Amino acid sequence: MATGSKTGHMGRKLRTKFCDRCGQPAPILFRVQYDESATWVFVCESCWASVSQDNPFYRYGGTWKARKNQ
């Protein structure tokens, strides 16, 4: 899981984070548990749809956004 930061429009921080499942950067990621290990990971919207549906191990833990409100 890689992270970083940049200063964006109007001085707000634009942060970068990658999906722990597919590795693609995304402006919004969901913190979830989705298997027996109960490990918290960040997944993009596409991966979230596949890991959350009909999954007894699924647990939602919050939403991460690239643009942090000040």
C-alpha atoms as a PDB file:
ATOM      1  CA  MET A   1       0.000   0.000   0.000  1.00  0.00           C
ATOM      2  CA  ALA A   2       1.635   3.216  -1.179  1.00  0.00           C
ATOM      3  CA  THR A   3       0.792   6.724  -0.044  1.00  0.00           C
ATOM      4  CA  GLY A   4       2.000  10.215  -0.797  1.00  0.00           C
ATOM      5  CA  SER A   5       0.812  13.787  -0.837  1.00  0.00           C
ATOM      6  CA  LYS A   6       0.712  16.876  -3.060  1.00  0.00           C
ATOM      7  CA  THR A   7      -0.722  20.330  -2.656  1.00  0.00           C
ATOM      8  CA  GLY A   8      -3.757  20.776  -4.857  1.00  0.00           C
ATOM      9  CA  HIS A   9      -6.159  23.516  -5.844  1.00  0.00           C
ATOM     10  CA  MET A  10      -6.710  26.212  -3.200  1.00  0.00           C
ATOM     11  CA  GLY A  11      -4.039  24.727  -0.904  1.00  0.00           C
ATOM     12  CA  ARG A  12      -5.924  21.518  -0.107  1.00  0.00           C
ATOM     13  CA  LYS A  13      -3.871  18.369   0.075  1.00  0.00           C
ATOM     14  CA  LEU A  14      -4.337  15.840  -2.712  1.00  0.00           C
ATOM     15  CA  ARG A  15      -3.344  12.471  -1.378  1.00  0.00           C
ATOM     16  CA  THR A  16      -2.544   9.334  -3.361  1.00  0.00           C
ATOM     17  CA  LYS A  17      -3.430   5.822  -2.273  1.00  0.00           C
ATOM     18  CA  PHE A  18      -3.681   2.549  -4.167  1.00  0.00           C
ATOM     19  CA  CYS A  19      -6.180  -0.288  -3.938  1.00  0.00           C
ATOM     20  CA  ASP A  20      -4.704  -3.135  -1.887  1.00  0.00           C
ATOM     21  CA  ARG A  21      -6.445  -5.670  -4.102  1.00  0.00           C
ATOM     22  CA  CYS A  22      -5.871  -4.501  -7.712  1.00  0.00           C
ATOM     23  CA  GLY A  23      -3.098  -1.923  -7.166  1.00  0.00           C
ATOM     24  CA  GLN A  24      -4.812   0.886  -9.086  1.00  0.00           C
ATOM     25  CA  PRO A  25      -4.852   4.458  -7.718  1.00  0.00           C
ATOM     26  CA  ALA A  26      -8.325   5.704  -6.749  1.00  0.00           C
ATOM     27  CA  PRO A  27      -9.782   8.970  -5.407  1.00  0.00           C
ATOM     28  CA  ILE A  28     -12.037   7.043  -3.001  1.00  0.00           C
ATOM     29  CA  LEU A  29     -11.175   3.792  -1.229  1.00  0.00           C
ATOM     30  CA  PHE A  30     -13.165   1.703   1.232  1.00  0.00           C
ATOM     31  CA  ARG A  31     -11.564   0.224   4.351  1.00  0.00           C
ATOM     32  CA  VAL A  32     -12.858  -3.336   4.610  1.00  0.00           C
ATOM     33  CA  GLN A  33     -12.246  -6.832   5.902  1.00  0.00           C
ATOM     34  CA  TYR A  34     -13.315  -9.502   3.423  1.00  0.00           C
ATOM     35  CA  ASP A  35     -11.734 -12.844   4.322  1.00  0.00           C
ATOM     36  CA  GLU A  36     -11.026 -15.144   7.271  1.00  0.00           C
ATOM     37  CA  SER A  37      -7.817 -13.268   8.148  1.00  0.00           C
ATOM     38  CA  ALA A  38      -9.886 -10.207   9.236  1.00  0.00           C
ATOM     39  CA  THR A  39      -7.091  -7.962   7.930  1.00  0.00           C
ATOM     40  CA  TRP A  40      -8.134  -4.367   7.208  1.00  0.00           C
ATOM     41  CA  VAL A  41      -7.380  -3.295   3.622  1.00  0.00           C
ATOM     42  CA  PHE A  42      -8.296  -0.395   1.324  1.00  0.00           C
ATOM     43  CA  VAL A  43     -10.168  -1.346  -1.853  1.00  0.00           C
ATOM     44  CA  CYS A  44     -11.404   0.699  -4.824  1.00  0.00           C
ATOM     45  CA  GLU A  45     -15.051   0.828  -5.850  1.00  0.00           C
ATOM     46  CA  SER A  46     -14.664  -1.992  -8.401  1.00  0.00           C
ATOM     47  CA  CYS A  47     -12.987  -4.330  -5.933  1.00  0.00           C
ATOM     48  CA  TRP A  48     -15.410  -3.300  -3.184  1.00  0.00           C
ATOM     49  CA  ALA A  49     -18.351  -4.477  -5.295  1.00  0.00           C
ATOM     50  CA  SER A  50     -16.835  -7.940  -5.697  1.00  0.00           C
ATOM     51  CA  VAL A  51     -15.629  -8.454  -2.088  1.00  0.00           C
ATOM     52  CA  SER A  52     -18.756  -7.158  -0.347  1.00  0.00           C
ATOM     53  CA  GLN A  53     -21.472  -9.073  -2.194  1.00  0.00           C
ATOM     54  CA  ASP A  54     -22.732 -12.235  -0.427  1.00  0.00           C
ATOM     55  CA  ASN A  55     -19.608 -12.382   1.748  1.00  0.00           C
ATOM     56  CA  PRO A  56     -20.016 -13.535   5.384  1.00  0.00           C
ATOM     57  CA  PHE A  57     -16.536 -12.162   6.235  1.00  0.00           C
ATOM     58  CA  TYR A  58     -17.233  -8.684   4.853  1.00  0.00           C
ATOM     59  CA  ARG A  59     -16.969  -5.757   7.275  1.00  0.00           C
ATOM     60  CA  TYR A  60     -16.943  -2.039   6.392  1.00  0.00           C
ATOM     61  CA  GLY A  61     -14.559   0.241   8.291  1.00  0.00           C
ATOM     62  CA  GLY A  62     -14.829   3.662   6.652  1.00  0.00           C
ATOM     63  CA  THR A  63     -14.131   5.636   3.500  1.00  0.00           C
ATOM     64  CA  TRP A  64     -10.832   7.271   2.492  1.00  0.00           C
ATOM     65  CA  LYS A  65     -10.918  10.259   0.139  1.00  0.00           C
ATOM     66  CA  ALA A  66      -8.047  11.804  -1.851  1.00  0.00           C
ATOM     67  CA  ARG A  67      -9.312  15.322  -1.142  1.00  0.00           C
ATOM     68  CA  LYS A  68      -9.299  15.828   2.590  1.00  0.00           C
ATOM     69  CA  ASN A  69     -11.701  18.518   3.790  1.00  0.00           C
ATOM     70  CA  GLN A  70     -10.035  21.041   6.051  1.00  0.00           C
END
